[in-house]
C-alpha atoms as a PDB file:
ATOM      1  CA  MET A   1     -80.946 -82.788 -88.995  1.00  0.00           C
ATOM      2  CA  ASN A   2     -82.151 -83.576 -92.497  1.00  0.00           C
ATOM      3  CA  GLY A   3     -79.985 -86.369 -94.136  1.00  0.00           C
ATOM      4  CA  ARG A   4     -78.711 -87.239 -90.773  1.00  0.00           C
ATOM      5  CA  PRO A   5     -78.457 -91.318 -90.034  1.00  0.00           C
ATOM      6  CA  ALA A   6     -81.601 -92.316 -88.366  1.00  0.00           C
ATOM      7  CA  ASP A   7     -79.605 -93.718 -85.043  1.00  0.00           C
ATOM      8  CA  ALA A   8     -77.585 -90.431 -84.728  1.00  0.00           C
ATOM      9  CA  VAL A   9     -81.165 -88.514 -85.034  1.00  0.00           C
ATOM     10  CA  ALA A  10     -82.392 -90.761 -82.121  1.00  0.00           C
ATOM     11  CA  ALA A  11     -79.314 -90.600 -79.985  1.00  0.00           C
ATOM     12  CA  GLU A  12     -79.578 -86.390 -80.460  1.00  0.00           C
ATOM     13  CA  ARG A  13     -83.332 -86.701 -79.404  1.00  0.00           C
ATOM     14  CA  ALA A  14     -82.319 -88.483 -76.373  1.00  0.00           C
ATOM     15  CA  LEU A  15     -79.565 -86.505 -75.614  1.00  0.00           C
ATOM     16  CA  ALA A  16     -81.948 -83.415 -75.391  1.00  0.00           C
ATOM     17  CA  GLY A  17     -83.984 -85.028 -72.830  1.00  0.00           C
ATOM     18  CA  ILE A  18     -81.457 -85.768 -70.217  1.00  0.00           C
ATOM     19  CA  PRO A  19     -81.733 -82.921 -67.699  1.00  0.00           C
ATOM     20  CA  GLY A  20     -78.886 -80.335 -68.441  1.00  0.00           C
ATOM     21  CA  PHE A  21     -77.752 -81.713 -71.382  1.00  0.00           C
ATOM     22  CA  GLY A  22     -80.049 -79.905 -74.088  1.00  0.00           C
ATOM     23  CA  HIS A  23     -77.225 -78.057 -75.682  1.00  0.00           C
ATOM     24  CA  ALA A  24     -74.757 -80.974 -75.532  1.00  0.00           C
ATOM     25  CA  GLN A  25     -73.450 -82.255 -79.330  1.00  0.00           C
ATOM     26  CA  ILE A  26     -72.622 -85.752 -79.873  1.00  0.00           C
ATOM     27  CA  GLU A  27     -69.335 -86.002 -81.623  1.00  0.00           C
ATOM     28  CA  ILE A  28     -68.653 -89.586 -82.742  1.00  0.00           C
ATOM     29  CA  GLN A  29     -70.008 -92.806 -82.275  1.00  0.00           C
ATOM     30  CA  LEU A  30     -67.747 -95.019 -80.188  1.00  0.00           C
ATOM     31  CA  SER A  31     -69.927 -98.299 -80.846  1.00  0.00           C
ATOM     32  CA  ASP A  32     -72.590-100.163 -82.545  1.00  0.00           C
ATOM     33  CA  GLY A  33     -73.374-103.745 -81.253  1.00  0.00           C
ATOM     34  CA  PRO A  34     -76.468-105.807 -81.058  1.00  0.00           C
ATOM     35  CA  THR A  35     -78.031-104.503 -78.125  1.00  0.00           C
ATOM     36  CA  ASN A  36     -77.094-100.849 -77.909  1.00  0.00           C
ATOM     37  CA  ALA A  37     -75.142 -98.013 -79.479  1.00  0.00           C
ATOM     38  CA  SER A  38     -72.854 -95.606 -77.957  1.00  0.00           C
ATOM     39  CA  TYR A  39     -71.793 -92.169 -78.540  1.00  0.00           C
ATOM     40  CA  ARG A  40     -69.081 -89.631 -77.259  1.00  0.00           C
ATOM     41  CA  VAL A  41     -70.572 -86.461 -76.153  1.00  0.00           C
ATOM     42  CA  ALA A  42     -69.119 -82.925 -75.701  1.00  0.00           C
ATOM     43  CA  HIS A  43     -70.855 -80.798 -73.065  1.00  0.00           C
ATOM     44  CA  GLU A  44     -69.318 -77.649 -71.448  1.00  0.00           C
ATOM     45  CA  GLY A  45     -65.729 -78.441 -72.174  1.00  0.00           C
ATOM     46  CA  ARG A  46     -65.974 -82.256 -70.894  1.00  0.00           C
ATOM     47  CA  HIS A  47     -66.581 -85.715 -72.644  1.00  0.00           C
ATOM     48  CA  PHE A  48     -69.238 -88.060 -71.930  1.00  0.00           C
ATOM     49  CA  VAL A  49     -70.649 -91.576 -73.070  1.00  0.00           C
ATOM     50  CA  LEU A  50     -74.209 -91.802 -74.006  1.00  0.00           C
ATOM     51  CA  ARG A  51     -75.439 -95.391 -74.729  1.00  0.00           C
ATOM     52  CA  LEU A  52     -78.902 -95.969 -76.270  1.00  0.00           C
ATOM     53  CA  ASP A  53     -80.615 -99.008 -76.208  1.00  0.00           C
ATOM     54  CA  LYS A  54     -81.781-100.890 -79.587  1.00  0.00           C
ATOM     55  CA  PRO A  55     -84.937-102.763 -79.574  1.00  0.00           C
ATOM     56  CA  GLY A  56     -83.736-106.375 -79.047  1.00  0.00           C
ATOM     57  CA  ALA A  57     -82.003-105.567 -75.748  1.00  0.00           C
ATOM     58  CA  ALA A  58     -84.440-106.993 -73.610  1.00  0.00           C
ATOM     59  CA  SER A  59     -84.849-110.339 -75.833  1.00  0.00           C
ATOM     60  CA  LEU A  60     -81.163-111.110 -74.938  1.00  0.00           C
ATOM     61  CA  GLY A  61     -82.148-111.118 -71.356  1.00  0.00           C
ATOM     62  CA  LEU A  62     -80.330-107.575 -70.462  1.00  0.00           C
ATOM     63  CA  ASN A  63     -82.201-106.364 -67.349  1.00  0.00           C
ATOM     64  CA  ARG A  64     -81.477-102.162 -67.240  1.00  0.00           C
ATOM     65  CA  HIS A  65     -82.781-101.998 -63.658  1.00  0.00           C
ATOM     66  CA  ASN A  66     -80.325-104.672 -62.481  1.00  0.00           C
ATOM     67  CA  GLU A  67     -77.204-103.005 -64.352  1.00  0.00           C
ATOM     68  CA  GLU A  68     -77.867 -99.842 -62.796  1.00  0.00           C
ATOM     69  CA  ARG A  69     -78.066-101.263 -59.219  1.00  0.00           C
ATOM     70  CA  VAL A  70     -74.687-102.933 -59.985  1.00  0.00           C
ATOM     71  CA  THR A  71     -73.185-100.407 -61.730  1.00  0.00           C
ATOM     72  CA  ARG A  72     -73.702 -97.845 -58.493  1.00  0.00           C
ATOM     73  CA  VAL A  73     -72.121-100.707 -56.165  1.00  0.00           C
ATOM     74  CA  VAL A  74     -69.080-101.251 -58.457  1.00  0.00           C
ATOM     75  CA  ALA A  75     -68.471 -97.720 -58.973  1.00  0.00           C
ATOM     76  CA  ALA A  76     -68.515 -97.227 -55.325  1.00  0.00           C
ATOM     77  CA  ALA A  77     -65.647 -99.579 -55.196  1.00  0.00           C
ATOM     78  CA  GLY A  78     -63.645 -97.913 -57.532  1.00  0.00           C
ATOM     79  CA  LEU A  79     -64.126-100.443 -60.336  1.00  0.00           C
ATOM     80  CA  ALA A  80     -66.323 -98.491 -62.641  1.00  0.00           C
ATOM     81  CA  LEU A  81     -67.636 -94.945 -63.195  1.00  0.00           C
ATOM     82  CA  GLU A  82     -70.672 -93.581 -61.606  1.00  0.00           C
ATOM     83  CA  PRO A  83     -73.691 -93.491 -63.867  1.00  0.00           C
ATOM     84  CA  LEU A  84     -74.669 -89.273 -64.275  1.00  0.00           C
ATOM     85  CA  TYR A  85     -78.146 -90.476 -65.566  1.00  0.00           C
ATOM     86  CA  PHE A  86     -79.958 -94.033 -66.049  1.00  0.00           C
ATOM     87  CA  ASP A  87     -83.349 -94.621 -67.632  1.00  0.00           C
ATOM     88  CA  PRO A  88     -83.730 -98.092 -67.841  1.00  0.00           C
ATOM     89  CA  GLU A  89     -87.199 -97.789 -69.115  1.00  0.00           C
ATOM     90  CA  ALA A  90     -85.877 -95.522 -72.067  1.00  0.00           C
ATOM     91  CA  GLY A  91     -82.830 -97.552 -72.420  1.00  0.00           C
ATOM     92  CA  LEU A  92     -80.411 -94.475 -71.772  1.00  0.00           C
ATOM     93  CA  TYR A  93     -77.286 -94.529 -69.718  1.00  0.00           C
ATOM     94  CA  LEU A  94     -74.926 -91.444 -69.595  1.00  0.00           C
ATOM     95  CA  ARG A  95     -71.268 -91.485 -68.000  1.00  0.00           C
ATOM     96  CA  ARG A  96     -68.292 -89.593 -67.918  1.00  0.00           C
ATOM     97  CA  PHE A  97     -65.888 -90.269 -70.683  1.00  0.00           C
ATOM     98  CA  LEU A  98     -63.012 -92.053 -69.296  1.00  0.00           C
ATOM     99  CA  PRO A  99     -59.695 -91.770 -71.456  1.00  0.00           C
ATOM    100  CA  GLY A 100     -57.689 -94.661 -72.019  1.00  0.00           C
ATOM    101  CA  ARG A 101     -57.367 -97.631 -74.208  1.00  0.00           C
ATOM    102  CA  SER A 102     -59.035-101.117 -74.134  1.00  0.00           C
ATOM    103  CA  TRP A 103     -56.824-104.022 -73.536  1.00  0.00           C
ATOM    104  CA  THR A 104     -56.285-106.525 -76.625  1.00  0.00           C
ATOM    105  CA  GLY A 105     -55.068-109.858 -76.388  1.00  0.00           C
ATOM    106  CA  ALA A 106     -51.679-109.225 -76.193  1.00  0.00           C
ATOM    107  CA  ASP A 107     -52.007-107.850 -72.807  1.00  0.00           C
ATOM    108  CA  LEU A 108     -53.324-111.078 -71.369  1.00  0.00           C
ATOM    109  CA  ALA A 109     -49.890-112.348 -72.261  1.00  0.00           C
ATOM    110  CA  CYS A 110     -48.171-110.308 -69.666  1.00  0.00           C
ATOM    111  CA  PRO A 111     -47.623-111.298 -66.173  1.00  0.00           C
ATOM    112  CA  GLU A 112     -48.409-108.472 -64.418  1.00  0.00           C
ATOM    113  CA  ASN A 113     -51.477-107.554 -66.299  1.00  0.00           C
ATOM    114  CA  LEU A 114     -52.571-110.897 -65.158  1.00  0.00           C
ATOM    115  CA  SER A 115     -51.904-110.317 -61.593  1.00  0.00           C
ATOM    116  CA  ARG A 116     -53.766-106.551 -61.887  1.00  0.00           C
ATOM    117  CA  LEU A 117     -56.845-108.104 -63.442  1.00  0.00           C
ATOM    118  CA  ALA A 118     -56.773-110.701 -60.727  1.00  0.00           C
ATOM    119  CA  ARG A 119     -56.838-108.284 -58.044  1.00  0.00           C
ATOM    120  CA  ARG A 120     -59.714-106.448 -59.832  1.00  0.00           C
ATOM    121  CA  LEU A 121     -61.312-109.552 -59.913  1.00  0.00           C
ATOM    122  CA  ARG A 122     -60.921-110.701 -56.303  1.00  0.00           C
ATOM    123  CA  THR A 123     -62.233-107.109 -55.337  1.00  0.00           C
ATOM    124  CA  LEU A 124     -65.180-107.580 -57.354  1.00  0.00           C
ATOM    125  CA  HIS A 125     -66.210-111.020 -56.204  1.00  0.00           C
ATOM    126  CA  SER A 126     -65.694-109.552 -52.649  1.00  0.00           C
ATOM    127  CA  LEU A 127     -68.477-106.925 -53.010  1.00  0.00           C
ATOM    128  CA  PRO A 128     -72.014-107.509 -51.877  1.00  0.00           C
ATOM    129  CA  PRO A 129     -73.836-109.638 -54.087  1.00  0.00           C
ATOM    130  CA  VAL A 130     -76.259-107.334 -55.211  1.00  0.00           C
ATOM    131  CA  GLY A 131     -78.932-107.700 -58.280  1.00  0.00           C
ATOM    132  CA  GLU A 132     -80.564-110.724 -59.993  1.00  0.00           C
ATOM    133  CA  ALA A 133     -78.555-114.408 -60.422  1.00  0.00           C
ATOM    134  CA  PHE A 134     -77.218-115.564 -63.526  1.00  0.00           C
ATOM    135  CA  ASP A 135     -78.082-118.780 -64.904  1.00  0.00           C
ATOM    136  CA  PRO A 136     -75.891-119.525 -67.774  1.00  0.00           C
ATOM    137  CA  LEU A 137     -77.535-122.729 -68.771  1.00  0.00           C
ATOM    138  CA  ALA A 138     -81.049-120.960 -68.867  1.00  0.00           C
ATOM    139  CA  ALA A 139     -79.576-117.992 -70.986  1.00  0.00           C
ATOM    140  CA  ALA A 140     -78.347-120.814 -73.500  1.00  0.00           C
ATOM    141  CA  GLU A 141     -81.852-122.399 -73.355  1.00  0.00           C
ATOM    142  CA  ARG A 142     -83.199-118.925 -74.128  1.00  0.00           C
ATOM    143  CA  TYR A 143     -81.057-118.404 -76.911  1.00  0.00           C
ATOM    144  CA  ASP A 144     -81.861-121.915 -78.387  1.00  0.00           C
ATOM    145  CA  GLY A 145     -85.745-121.146 -77.987  1.00  0.00           C
ATOM    146  CA  GLN A 146     -85.403-118.007 -79.963  1.00  0.00           C
ATOM    147  CA  LEU A 147     -83.058-119.757 -82.700  1.00  0.00           C
ATOM    148  CA  ALA A 148     -85.187-122.709 -82.937  1.00  0.00           C
ATOM    149  CA  SER A 149     -82.602-124.385 -85.570  1.00  0.00           C
ATOM    150  CA  ALA A 150     -81.085-127.719 -85.503  1.00  0.00           C
ATOM    151  CA  GLU A 151     -77.543-126.138 -84.995  1.00  0.00           C
ATOM    152  CA  SER A 152     -78.648-124.241 -81.897  1.00  0.00           C
ATOM    153  CA  ARG A 153     -80.226-127.524 -80.667  1.00  0.00           C
ATOM    154  CA  SER A 154     -77.529-129.662 -81.010  1.00  0.00           C
ATOM    155  CA  ILE A 155     -74.972-126.944 -79.045  1.00  0.00           C
ATOM    156  CA  LEU A 156     -77.708-126.386 -76.391  1.00  0.00           C
ATOM    157  CA  GLU A 157     -77.299-130.572 -75.805  1.00  0.00           C
ATOM    158  CA  ARG A 158     -73.791-130.085 -75.427  1.00  0.00           C
ATOM    159  CA  ALA A 159     -74.218-127.008 -73.026  1.00  0.00           C
ATOM    160  CA  ARG A 160     -76.253-129.010 -70.852  1.00  0.00           C
ATOM    161  CA  LEU A 161     -73.962-131.904 -70.473  1.00  0.00           C
ATOM    162  CA  GLN A 162     -71.173-129.354 -69.691  1.00  0.00           C
ATOM    163  CA  ALA A 163     -73.080-127.751 -67.331  1.00  0.00           C
ATOM    164  CA  GLN A 164     -73.879-130.959 -65.818  1.00  0.00           C
ATOM    165  CA  ALA A 165     -69.686-131.523 -65.362  1.00  0.00           C
ATOM    166  CA  ILE A 166     -69.677-128.273 -63.472  1.00  0.00           C
ATOM    167  CA  GLY A 167     -71.967-129.440 -61.372  1.00  0.00           C
ATOM    168  CA  ALA A 168     -70.977-129.499 -57.527  1.00  0.00           C
ATOM    169  CA  ASP A 169     -67.941-127.994 -58.621  1.00  0.00           C
ATOM    170  CA  SER A 170     -69.818-124.473 -58.701  1.00  0.00           C
ATOM    171  CA  SER A 171     -68.453-121.993 -56.077  1.00  0.00           C
ATOM    172  CA  PRO A 172     -70.555-119.852 -53.758  1.00  0.00           C
ATOM    173  CA  PRO A 173     -72.238-117.106 -55.788  1.00  0.00           C
ATOM    174  CA  VAL A 174     -70.821-113.716 -55.820  1.00  0.00           C
ATOM    175  CA  LEU A 175     -70.967-110.335 -58.202  1.00  0.00           C
ATOM    176  CA  CYS A 176     -69.616-110.916 -61.480  1.00  0.00           C
ATOM    177  CA  HIS A 177     -69.112-108.982 -64.427  1.00  0.00           C
ATOM    178  CA  ASN A 178     -69.831-111.976 -66.756  1.00  0.00           C
ATOM    179  CA  ASP A 179     -68.767-110.248 -69.856  1.00  0.00           C
ATOM    180  CA  LEU A 180     -65.055-109.564 -69.220  1.00  0.00           C
ATOM    181  CA  VAL A 181     -63.546-109.015 -72.969  1.00  0.00           C
ATOM    182  CA  CYS A 182     -60.691-107.530 -73.334  1.00  0.00           C
ATOM    183  CA  GLN A 183     -62.942-104.575 -74.976  1.00  0.00           C
ATOM    184  CA  ASN A 184     -64.553-103.972 -71.622  1.00  0.00           C
ATOM    185  CA  ILE A 185     -60.995-103.825 -69.696  1.00  0.00           C
ATOM    186  CA  LEU A 186     -59.764-100.182 -69.979  1.00  0.00           C
ATOM    187  CA  GLU A 187     -56.143 -99.203 -69.140  1.00  0.00           C
ATOM    188  CA  SER A 188     -56.624 -95.546 -67.832  1.00  0.00           C
ATOM    189  CA  ASP A 189     -55.079 -94.197 -64.591  1.00  0.00           C
ATOM    190  CA  ASP A 190     -56.242 -97.460 -63.295  1.00  0.00           C
ATOM    191  CA  LEU A 191     -57.545-100.543 -64.713  1.00  0.00           C
ATOM    192  CA  MET A 192     -61.349-100.138 -65.082  1.00  0.00           C
ATOM    193  CA  LEU A 193     -64.122-102.209 -66.047  1.00  0.00           C
ATOM    194  CA  ILE A 194     -66.897-101.132 -68.272  1.00  0.00           C
ATOM    195  CA  ASP A 195     -70.012-102.378 -69.677  1.00  0.00           C
ATOM    196  CA  TRP A 196     -71.774-104.172 -66.939  1.00  0.00           C
ATOM    197  CA  GLU A 197     -74.799-104.950 -68.622  1.00  0.00           C
ATOM    198  CA  TYR A 198     -74.569-108.782 -67.987  1.00  0.00           C
ATOM    199  CA  ALA A 199     -73.157-108.275 -64.603  1.00  0.00           C
ATOM    200  CA  ALA A 200     -75.054-110.287 -61.848  1.00  0.00           C
ATOM    201  CA  VAL A 201     -74.470-112.777 -59.315  1.00  0.00           C
ATOM    202  CA  GLY A 202     -72.800-116.196 -60.581  1.00  0.00           C
ATOM    203  CA  ASP A 203     -69.790-118.463 -60.192  1.00  0.00           C
ATOM    204  CA  PRO A 204     -66.651-116.563 -59.949  1.00  0.00           C
ATOM    205  CA  PHE A 205     -64.888-119.085 -62.600  1.00  0.00           C
ATOM    206  CA  PHE A 206     -67.268-118.021 -65.088  1.00  0.00           C
ATOM    207  CA  ASP A 207     -65.750-114.665 -64.828  1.00  0.00           C
ATOM    208  CA  LEU A 208     -62.137-116.325 -65.352  1.00  0.00           C
ATOM    209  CA  ALA A 209     -63.599-118.600 -68.120  1.00  0.00           C
ATOM    210  CA  VAL A 210     -64.817-115.560 -70.168  1.00  0.00           C
ATOM    211  CA  ILE A 211     -61.298-114.057 -70.005  1.00  0.00           C
ATOM    212  CA  VAL A 212     -59.641-117.306 -70.968  1.00  0.00           C
ATOM    213  CA  GLN A 213     -61.991-118.764 -73.319  1.00  0.00           C
ATOM    214  CA  HIS A 214     -62.626-115.746 -75.601  1.00  0.00           C
ATOM    215  CA  HIS A 215     -59.128-114.806 -75.758  1.00  0.00           C
ATOM    216  CA  ASP A 216     -57.929-118.054 -76.405  1.00  0.00           C
ATOM    217  CA  VAL A 217     -55.303-117.465 -73.305  1.00  0.00           C
ATOM    218  CA  ALA A 218     -52.805-120.519 -73.690  1.00  0.00           C
ATOM    219  CA  PRO A 219     -52.438-122.957 -70.476  1.00  0.00           C
ATOM    220  CA  ALA A 220     -49.544-121.192 -68.947  1.00  0.00           C
ATOM    221  CA  PRO A 221     -50.886-117.329 -68.921  1.00  0.00           C
ATOM    222  CA  ALA A 222     -54.347-119.077 -67.646  1.00  0.00           C
ATOM    223  CA  GLU A 223     -52.798-121.009 -64.892  1.00  0.00           C
ATOM    224  CA  LEU A 224     -51.155-117.575 -63.940  1.00  0.00           C
ATOM    225  CA  LEU A 225     -54.221-115.981 -63.806  1.00  0.00           C
ATOM    226  CA  LEU A 226     -55.929-118.291 -61.908  1.00  0.00           C
ATOM    227  CA  ARG A 227     -53.157-118.770 -59.306  1.00  0.00           C
ATOM    228  CA  ALA A 228     -52.868-114.983 -58.797  1.00  0.00           C
ATOM    229  CA  TYR A 229     -56.732-114.813 -58.406  1.00  0.00           C
ATOM    230  CA  LEU A 230     -56.768-118.077 -55.738  1.00  0.00           C
ATOM    231  CA  GLN A 231     -53.288-117.495 -54.110  1.00  0.00           C
ATOM    232  CA  ASP A 232     -53.019-119.964 -51.453  1.00  0.00           C
ATOM    233  CA  SER A 233     -56.417-121.578 -52.492  1.00  0.00           C
ATOM    234  CA  PHE A 234     -54.989-122.692 -55.929  1.00  0.00           C
ATOM    235  CA  SER A 235     -55.205-126.470 -56.717  1.00  0.00           C
ATOM    236  CA  ALA A 236     -54.946-128.660 -59.587  1.00  0.00           C
ATOM    237  CA  ASP A 237     -58.934-129.192 -59.215  1.00  0.00           C
ATOM    238  CA  ALA A 238     -59.102-125.475 -59.758  1.00  0.00           C
ATOM    239  CA  VAL A 239     -57.412-125.846 -63.167  1.00  0.00           C
ATOM    240  CA  THR A 240     -60.187-128.165 -63.842  1.00  0.00           C
ATOM    241  CA  ARG A 241     -62.896-126.242 -62.843  1.00  0.00           C
ATOM    242  CA  LEU A 242     -61.717-123.506 -65.059  1.00  0.00           C
ATOM    243  CA  GLN A 243     -61.360-126.024 -67.986  1.00  0.00           C
ATOM    244  CA  ARG A 244     -65.115-127.091 -67.507  1.00  0.00           C
ATOM    245  CA  GLN A 245     -66.027-123.462 -67.363  1.00  0.00           C
ATOM    246  CA  CYS A 246     -64.309-122.564 -70.597  1.00  0.00           C
ATOM    247  CA  SER A 247     -65.731-125.552 -72.340  1.00  0.00           C
ATOM    248  CA  PHE A 248     -69.440-124.088 -71.320  1.00  0.00           C
ATOM    249  CA  TYR A 249     -68.662-120.817 -72.061  1.00  0.00           C
ATOM    250  CA  GLN A 250     -67.845-121.479 -75.867  1.00  0.00           C
ATOM    251  CA  SER A 251     -71.023-123.274 -76.146  1.00  0.00           C
ATOM    252  CA  LEU A 252     -72.963-120.225 -74.658  1.00  0.00           C
ATOM    253  CA  LEU A 253     -70.874-118.382 -76.791  1.00  0.00           C
ATOM    254  CA  GLN A 254     -71.480-120.117 -79.944  1.00  0.00           C
ATOM    255  CA  LEU A 255     -75.369-119.881 -79.260  1.00  0.00           C
ATOM    256  CA  TRP A 256     -74.961-115.996 -78.289  1.00  0.00           C
ATOM    257  CA  THR A 257     -73.233-115.427 -81.690  1.00  0.00           C
ATOM    258  CA  LEU A 258     -75.970-117.291 -83.992  1.00  0.00           C
ATOM    259  CA  ARG A 259     -78.632-115.513 -81.619  1.00  0.00           C
ATOM    260  CA  VAL A 260     -77.534-111.767 -82.700  1.00  0.00           C
ATOM    261  CA  GLN A 261     -76.467-112.348 -86.367  1.00  0.00           C
ATOM    262  CA  PRO A 262     -78.478-110.337 -88.611  1.00  0.00           C
END
């Protein structure tokens, strides 16, 4: 393996330690993010995805034990794939490769897609609230504490005001994905949700806000998504609640982006 990139060598060593995968081959790197890198693996005529943590994953608040527990629950509900191997201590995760394509912002402009996504969210939010609780403001405070800059402190102060505005409007806590960006929405045989590393029990409107705010969804399709999700419970107050969560999410995203910058 001389001359191979260090991350590829680490991935091959990790794969060799997984029972039954000693002769598997890493084909390509699928992603290289701030918390982990993932690879497509070939083994006995089938394909798999190996995810390998980076050293900074825990400092961003990720709890792999929590993720494993949640992933198994959502997999049983048909929202995700069952892990084949999960070692939280080593930062290793292996699942079957799922062919398909990740959504783009254009998919969020289609009313039928918004209805499909709303149905998936309703299923997710109806599952048992397993795992740890997610406190978005605590996450913002953690990022600011690690950054310790005037810019981050200014964003945090804004986030605190936005959290106060949400206040009593918070919904009863449910199991949430908390990172429903388009790349985590996979169009396959069915609509599947992937990458559950931020999943935890929290406010369902935060899940909706990630979809809307992260992709700058226009007001009309955002309302369609909200109507499809809430059905007969839709109201003007719900629109306001979503807008408040969107404002807070934007501040949290700014802090996270500053935190993961090289």
